[in-house]
């Protein structure tokens, strides 16, 4: 008697069966896990619609230009912060390192009379050194990134004040190239500053590096599971060191943009950049636990913060409530990240 034997179930059939059993909530969570940029994109669209309906002036080209100009410094610093958070670290010294680089570059040009290109190179060297110090503390002394960068935050800030004597270097004391990033370029009805264009170009470059190079894959691997990455043959210490140095290079660019935007180099500028950059990265969907996130999400996060501040201002909301709204946004973003991380694999 012939017995019908059903063929073995293939892996694709098993996967299809598993997907069919998932609830809509599980599917949504899985989608957000695969594409973390969706969440901030939705928040940004909703914010633009709401604030535009509250005050039509929000859509004025001059106002949109202002928002992007305000975002240019925080957005650039957020690139450096994203690289570090992707490795499951955090950098509390980004603002102080940027200030130190800007003060050294500006005073070298103003007081020492060094040509602007060389002064900017000196600022770059200072920022690279700051990143290297953080990297050494994390990779050689094995200090937790939070503690290491909390210490260097105070050190870099003190060095900025000591080097500058607490004095501001003004636009009139510096060559034009130092403030060139403030130059506005008309794009239709919107006027983009050179600093904003540099920021956008930086995002495009870092997105390519993270998505298309072995170094980028190693950054994600170290952040996802450092021990597994080490067993796979990746030099985790070397990757971490390179990430902190790369972050320093980005901060040098941010310093240049900051000088142009404020028209001066001040040791008191950018005091909130440490927390603002973390806010942008978290709202942008990059996980604080490392290994998950998209660089473009940080840009969206920085724009969301800028849109909320600008929209609430146009709506006549007090500045304290603006800060409260940003704080709530951060809490919601981290809560969503925790929820997404529970996705069934």
Protein backbone atom coordinates (compact mmCIF):
# COMPACT_ATOMS: atom_id res chain seq x y z
CA UNK A 1 0.00 0.00 0.00
CA UNK A 2 1.45 3.30 -1.08
CA UNK A 3 1.69 5.97 1.61
CA UNK A 4 1.68 9.65 0.70
CA UNK A 5 4.60 11.37 2.33
CA UNK A 6 4.50 15.15 2.31
CA UNK A 7 7.74 16.86 1.31
CA UNK A 8 9.79 18.48 4.11
CA UNK A 9 8.82 22.01 4.97
CA UNK A 10 11.29 24.48 3.51
CA UNK A 11 12.85 27.34 5.45
CA UNK A 12 10.84 29.81 3.37
CA UNK A 13 7.60 28.03 4.28
CA UNK A 14 8.52 28.14 7.94
CA UNK A 15 9.33 31.84 7.69
CA UNK A 16 6.05 32.54 5.91
CA UNK A 17 4.15 30.62 8.57
CA UNK A 18 5.94 32.56 11.30
CA UNK A 19 5.15 35.90 9.63
CA UNK A 20 1.50 34.93 9.28
CA UNK A 21 1.28 34.33 13.03
CA UNK A 22 2.61 37.74 13.96
CA UNK A 23 0.18 40.37 15.16
CA UNK A 24 -0.04 43.78 13.41
CA UNK A 25 1.81 45.28 16.38
CA UNK A 26 4.65 42.76 15.95
CA UNK A 27 4.84 43.57 12.26
CA UNK A 28 4.97 47.30 12.98
CA UNK A 29 7.72 46.76 15.52
CA UNK A 30 9.68 44.63 13.07
CA UNK A 31 9.30 47.30 10.39
CA UNK A 32 10.58 50.02 12.71
CA UNK A 33 13.46 47.75 13.73
CA UNK A 34 14.53 47.29 10.12
CA UNK A 35 13.98 50.92 9.13
CA UNK A 36 14.65 53.11 12.21
CA UNK A 37 14.42 56.31 10.15
CA UNK A 38 10.64 55.87 9.72
CA UNK A 39 9.80 57.05 13.27
CA UNK A 40 11.57 60.44 13.11
CA UNK A 41 10.32 61.00 9.55
CA UNK A 42 6.71 60.56 10.69
CA UNK A 43 7.26 62.84 13.71
CA UNK A 44 8.81 65.54 11.49
CA UNK A 45 5.96 65.45 8.97
CA UNK A 46 3.34 65.67 11.74
CA UNK A 47 5.22 68.51 13.45
CA UNK A 48 5.46 70.51 10.22
CA UNK A 49 1.74 70.03 9.52
CA UNK A 50 0.71 71.03 13.06
CA UNK A 51 2.94 74.09 13.36
CA UNK A 52 2.15 75.18 9.82
CA UNK A 53 -1.56 75.07 10.58
CA UNK A 54 -1.10 77.00 13.85
CA UNK A 55 0.88 79.79 12.21
CA UNK A 56 1.13 80.09 8.38
CA UNK A 57 4.35 82.09 8.82
CA UNK A 58 6.03 78.78 9.64
CA UNK A 59 6.11 77.94 5.91
CA UNK A 60 7.64 81.28 4.93
CA UNK A 61 10.93 80.72 3.04
CA UNK A 62 12.74 83.07 5.41
CA UNK A 63 11.58 81.05 8.41
CA UNK A 64 12.51 77.70 6.84
CA UNK A 65 15.93 79.16 6.02
CA UNK A 66 16.29 80.22 9.65
CA UNK A 67 15.42 76.73 10.93
CA UNK A 68 18.01 75.05 8.72
CA UNK A 69 20.64 77.63 9.68
CA UNK A 70 19.92 77.04 13.38
CA UNK A 71 20.22 73.29 12.85
CA UNK A 72 23.55 73.46 11.01
CA UNK A 73 25.78 73.39 14.11
CA UNK A 74 23.77 70.90 16.17
CA UNK A 75 23.27 68.73 13.10
CA UNK A 76 27.00 68.61 12.43
CA UNK A 77 27.86 67.80 16.04
CA UNK A 78 25.18 65.10 15.91
CA UNK A 79 27.20 63.32 13.18
CA UNK A 80 30.08 62.91 15.63
CA UNK A 81 27.72 61.85 18.40
CA UNK A 82 26.03 59.29 16.13
CA UNK A 83 29.31 57.59 15.28
CA UNK A 84 30.07 57.14 18.97
CA UNK A 85 26.58 56.06 20.01
CA UNK A 86 26.57 53.46 17.21
CA UNK A 87 29.44 51.79 19.09
CA UNK A 88 27.31 51.73 22.28
CA UNK A 89 29.24 54.69 23.69
CA UNK A 90 28.33 58.29 24.41
CA UNK A 91 30.36 61.50 24.27
CA UNK A 92 29.61 64.26 26.76
CA UNK A 93 32.58 66.32 25.58
CA UNK A 94 31.58 67.07 21.97
CA UNK A 95 30.49 70.63 22.72
CA UNK A 96 33.59 71.42 24.77
CA UNK A 97 35.91 69.90 22.15
CA UNK A 98 34.23 71.96 19.44
CA UNK A 99 34.61 75.14 21.50
CA UNK A 100 38.29 74.41 22.12
CA UNK A 101 38.94 73.84 18.41
CA UNK A 102 37.09 77.03 17.47
CA UNK A 103 38.95 79.15 20.00
CA UNK A 104 42.37 77.85 18.97
CA UNK A 105 41.61 78.34 15.26
CA UNK A 106 40.16 81.84 15.74
CA UNK A 107 42.88 83.12 18.04
CA UNK A 108 45.61 81.63 15.87
CA UNK A 109 44.22 83.61 12.94
CA UNK A 110 43.46 86.80 14.89
CA UNK A 111 46.40 87.11 17.27
CA UNK A 112 49.19 85.12 15.62
CA UNK A 113 48.30 86.38 12.16
CA UNK A 114 48.33 82.87 10.67
CA UNK A 115 46.52 82.57 7.31
CA UNK A 116 42.96 81.32 7.71
CA UNK A 117 43.53 77.95 5.97
CA UNK A 118 46.42 77.16 8.32
CA UNK A 119 44.44 78.37 11.33
CA UNK A 120 41.63 75.98 10.39
CA UNK A 121 44.16 73.16 10.08
CA UNK A 122 45.43 73.97 13.57
CA UNK A 123 41.84 73.77 14.82
CA UNK A 124 41.49 70.42 13.06
CA UNK A 125 44.61 69.10 14.80
CA UNK A 126 43.22 70.20 18.18
CA UNK A 127 39.89 68.47 17.51
CA UNK A 128 41.64 65.30 16.35
CA UNK A 129 43.76 65.34 19.51
CA UNK A 130 40.62 65.72 21.63
CA UNK A 131 39.04 62.74 19.90
CA UNK A 132 42.22 60.71 20.28
CA UNK A 133 42.37 61.44 24.02
CA UNK A 134 38.80 60.19 24.43
CA UNK A 135 39.61 57.14 22.35
CA UNK A 136 42.68 56.30 24.42
CA UNK A 137 40.76 56.63 27.67
CA UNK A 138 38.12 54.22 26.37
CA UNK A 139 40.35 51.70 24.59
CA UNK A 140 43.53 51.72 26.69
CA UNK A 141 42.36 52.59 30.19
CA UNK A 142 39.03 50.81 29.59
CA UNK A 143 37.06 53.65 31.14
CA UNK A 144 33.33 53.74 30.42
CA UNK A 145 32.70 56.34 27.67
CA UNK A 146 30.29 58.23 29.91
CA UNK A 147 32.91 58.72 32.64
CA UNK A 148 35.82 59.33 30.26
CA UNK A 149 34.03 62.05 28.29
CA UNK A 150 32.54 63.60 31.40
CA UNK A 151 36.10 64.16 32.58
CA UNK A 152 37.35 65.47 29.24
CA UNK A 153 34.32 67.77 28.99
CA UNK A 154 35.57 69.68 32.03
CA UNK A 155 39.17 69.51 30.84
CA UNK A 156 38.43 70.83 27.34
CA UNK A 157 36.19 73.57 28.72
CA UNK A 158 38.86 74.68 31.16
CA UNK A 159 41.50 74.67 28.42
CA UNK A 160 39.25 76.84 26.25
CA UNK A 161 38.88 79.42 29.01
CA UNK A 162 42.58 79.35 29.86
CA UNK A 163 43.69 79.64 26.24
CA UNK A 164 41.30 82.46 25.41
CA UNK A 165 41.47 84.24 28.75
CA UNK A 166 37.68 84.20 28.63
CA UNK A 167 37.74 86.64 25.72
CA UNK A 168 35.66 86.44 22.54
CA UNK A 169 37.33 86.70 19.13
CA UNK A 170 35.05 88.81 16.93
CA UNK A 171 34.42 88.74 13.20
CA UNK A 172 36.36 91.96 12.63
CA UNK A 173 39.49 90.38 14.12
CA UNK A 174 39.47 87.33 11.83
CA UNK A 175 40.04 86.78 8.10
CA UNK A 176 36.90 86.46 5.97
CA UNK A 177 37.45 82.73 5.40
CA UNK A 178 36.89 82.04 9.09
CA UNK A 179 33.29 83.27 8.80
CA UNK A 180 32.71 82.15 5.20
CA UNK A 181 30.32 79.42 6.36
CA UNK A 182 27.74 82.15 7.14
CA UNK A 183 27.52 83.14 3.47
CA UNK A 184 23.96 82.68 2.20
CA UNK A 185 23.26 81.05 -1.17
CA UNK A 186 19.76 81.43 -2.70
CA UNK A 187 18.09 78.11 -3.58
CA UNK A 188 14.75 79.17 -4.98
CA UNK A 189 13.04 81.23 -2.30
CA UNK A 190 15.10 79.61 0.45
CA UNK A 191 18.54 80.90 1.37
CA UNK A 192 20.96 78.20 2.48
CA UNK A 193 24.15 79.12 4.27
CA UNK A 194 27.43 77.52 3.29
CA UNK A 195 27.49 75.94 6.75
CA UNK A 196 24.15 74.21 6.13
CA UNK A 197 25.37 72.94 2.75
CA UNK A 198 28.57 71.61 4.34
CA UNK A 199 26.45 69.85 6.99
CA UNK A 200 24.28 68.17 4.33
CA UNK A 201 27.37 67.11 2.35
CA UNK A 202 28.88 65.69 5.53
CA UNK A 203 25.77 63.59 6.16
CA UNK A 204 25.89 62.25 2.61
CA UNK A 205 29.55 61.32 2.97
CA UNK A 206 29.18 59.64 6.35
CA UNK A 207 26.05 57.78 5.17
CA UNK A 208 28.07 56.35 2.26
CA UNK A 209 30.95 55.36 4.53
CA UNK A 210 28.72 53.66 7.10
CA UNK A 211 26.63 51.88 4.51
CA UNK A 212 29.17 50.96 1.83
CA UNK A 213 32.53 50.35 3.49
CA UNK A 214 34.02 47.64 5.67
CA UNK A 215 34.79 50.24 8.33
CA UNK A 216 31.11 51.15 8.53
CA UNK A 217 30.10 47.50 8.93
CA UNK A 218 32.71 47.11 11.67
CA UNK A 219 31.29 50.13 13.53
CA UNK A 220 27.83 48.55 13.56
CA UNK A 221 29.25 45.15 14.51
CA UNK A 222 31.19 46.54 17.49
CA UNK A 223 28.15 48.43 18.71
CA UNK A 224 25.84 45.45 18.34
CA UNK A 225 28.10 42.95 20.15
CA UNK A 226 31.74 43.85 20.81
CA UNK A 227 32.69 40.35 21.94
CA UNK A 228 31.14 38.70 18.89
CA UNK A 229 32.89 41.24 16.67
CA UNK A 230 36.22 40.42 18.34
CA UNK A 231 35.70 36.70 17.84
CA UNK A 232 34.93 37.41 14.18
CA UNK A 233 38.39 38.93 13.78
CA UNK A 234 37.53 42.62 14.13
CA UNK A 235 39.97 44.71 16.15
CA UNK A 236 37.41 46.37 18.40
CA UNK A 237 39.95 48.69 20.03
CA UNK A 238 41.13 49.92 16.66
CA UNK A 239 37.57 50.52 15.48
CA UNK A 240 36.67 52.42 18.64
CA UNK A 241 39.82 54.53 18.42
CA UNK A 242 39.12 55.39 14.78
CA UNK A 243 35.54 56.34 15.64
CA UNK A 244 36.62 58.83 18.32
CA UNK A 245 39.24 60.34 16.02
CA UNK A 246 36.71 60.58 13.17
CA UNK A 247 34.32 62.30 15.58
CA UNK A 248 37.07 64.81 16.35
CA UNK A 249 37.44 65.61 12.64
CA UNK A 250 33.70 66.23 12.41
CA UNK A 251 33.85 68.55 15.42
CA UNK A 252 36.50 70.64 13.67
CA UNK A 253 34.02 71.20 10.83
CA UNK A 254 31.32 72.06 13.38
CA UNK A 255 33.69 74.60 14.94
CA UNK A 256 34.13 76.33 11.59
CA UNK A 257 30.37 76.43 11.04
CA UNK A 258 29.83 77.77 14.56
CA UNK A 259 32.33 80.62 14.04
CA UNK A 260 30.53 81.64 10.86
CA UNK A 261 27.04 81.37 12.28
CA UNK A 262 27.75 83.39 15.43
CA UNK A 263 30.20 85.73 13.74
CA UNK A 264 32.65 85.15 16.57
CA UNK A 265 34.50 82.51 18.54
CA UNK A 266 33.45 82.48 22.17
CA UNK A 267 34.47 80.13 25.00
CA UNK A 268 30.85 80.31 26.19
CA UNK A 269 29.28 79.26 22.91
CA UNK A 270 27.74 75.84 22.44
CA UNK A 271 27.29 75.06 26.12
CA UNK A 272 24.17 73.00 25.34
CA UNK A 273 25.59 71.14 22.35
CA UNK A 274 26.46 68.04 24.35
CA UNK A 275 22.87 67.33 25.33
CA UNK A 276 21.37 68.77 22.13
CA UNK A 277 23.44 66.41 20.00
CA UNK A 278 22.39 63.41 22.10
CA UNK A 279 18.78 64.57 21.81
CA UNK A 280 19.01 64.75 18.03
CA UNK A 281 20.58 61.30 17.77
CA UNK A 282 18.05 59.66 20.11
CA UNK A 283 15.04 61.29 18.45
CA UNK A 284 16.56 60.27 15.10
CA UNK A 285 16.16 56.60 15.97
CA UNK A 286 19.74 55.59 16.80
CA UNK A 287 19.73 53.16 19.71
CA UNK A 288 21.61 54.19 22.83
CA UNK A 289 22.57 50.53 23.16
CA UNK A 290 24.55 50.67 19.91
CA UNK A 291 24.50 48.75 16.67
CA UNK A 292 21.25 50.17 15.27
CA UNK A 293 20.52 53.46 13.58
CA UNK A 294 20.87 55.47 10.38
CA UNK A 295 22.90 58.66 10.10
CA UNK A 296 20.10 60.42 8.25
CA UNK A 297 17.91 59.85 11.29
CA UNK A 298 20.18 62.15 13.30
CA UNK A 299 19.66 64.89 10.72
CA UNK A 300 15.91 64.40 11.03
CA UNK A 301 16.27 64.47 14.81
CA UNK A 302 18.18 67.76 14.70
CA UNK A 303 15.58 69.25 12.34
CA UNK A 304 12.76 68.01 14.59
CA UNK A 305 14.30 69.83 17.55
CA UNK A 306 14.71 72.97 15.42
CA UNK A 307 11.15 72.71 14.11
CA UNK A 308 9.71 72.26 17.61
CA UNK A 309 11.61 75.22 19.01
CA UNK A 310 10.72 77.44 16.06
CA UNK A 311 7.10 76.30 15.83
CA UNK A 312 6.47 76.71 19.55
CA UNK A 313 8.09 80.16 19.44
CA UNK A 314 5.82 81.24 16.57
CA UNK A 315 2.89 79.85 18.54
CA UNK A 316 3.82 82.15 21.43
CA UNK A 317 4.82 79.34 23.79
CA UNK A 318 7.20 80.27 26.61
CA UNK A 319 10.81 79.08 26.26
CA UNK A 320 10.54 76.92 29.38
CA UNK A 321 7.70 74.96 27.81
CA UNK A 322 9.76 74.56 24.66
CA UNK A 323 12.44 72.86 26.72
CA UNK A 324 9.77 70.74 28.41
CA UNK A 325 8.47 69.62 25.00
CA UNK A 326 11.96 68.58 23.88
CA UNK A 327 12.43 66.65 27.11
CA UNK A 328 9.18 64.78 26.54
CA UNK A 329 10.29 64.02 23.00
CA UNK A 330 13.50 62.43 24.28
CA UNK A 331 11.63 60.29 26.81
CA UNK A 332 9.19 59.12 24.14
CA UNK A 333 12.03 58.39 21.69
CA UNK A 334 13.94 56.26 24.22
CA UNK A 335 10.73 54.45 25.21
CA UNK A 336 10.00 53.66 21.56
CA UNK A 337 13.56 52.41 21.13
CA UNK A 338 13.14 50.08 24.11
CA UNK A 339 9.89 48.79 22.65
CA UNK A 340 11.43 48.25 19.22
CA UNK A 341 14.36 46.32 20.70
CA UNK A 342 11.94 43.69 21.95
CA UNK A 343 11.15 42.69 18.36
CA UNK A 344 10.85 38.93 17.88
CA UNK A 345 13.65 37.68 15.67
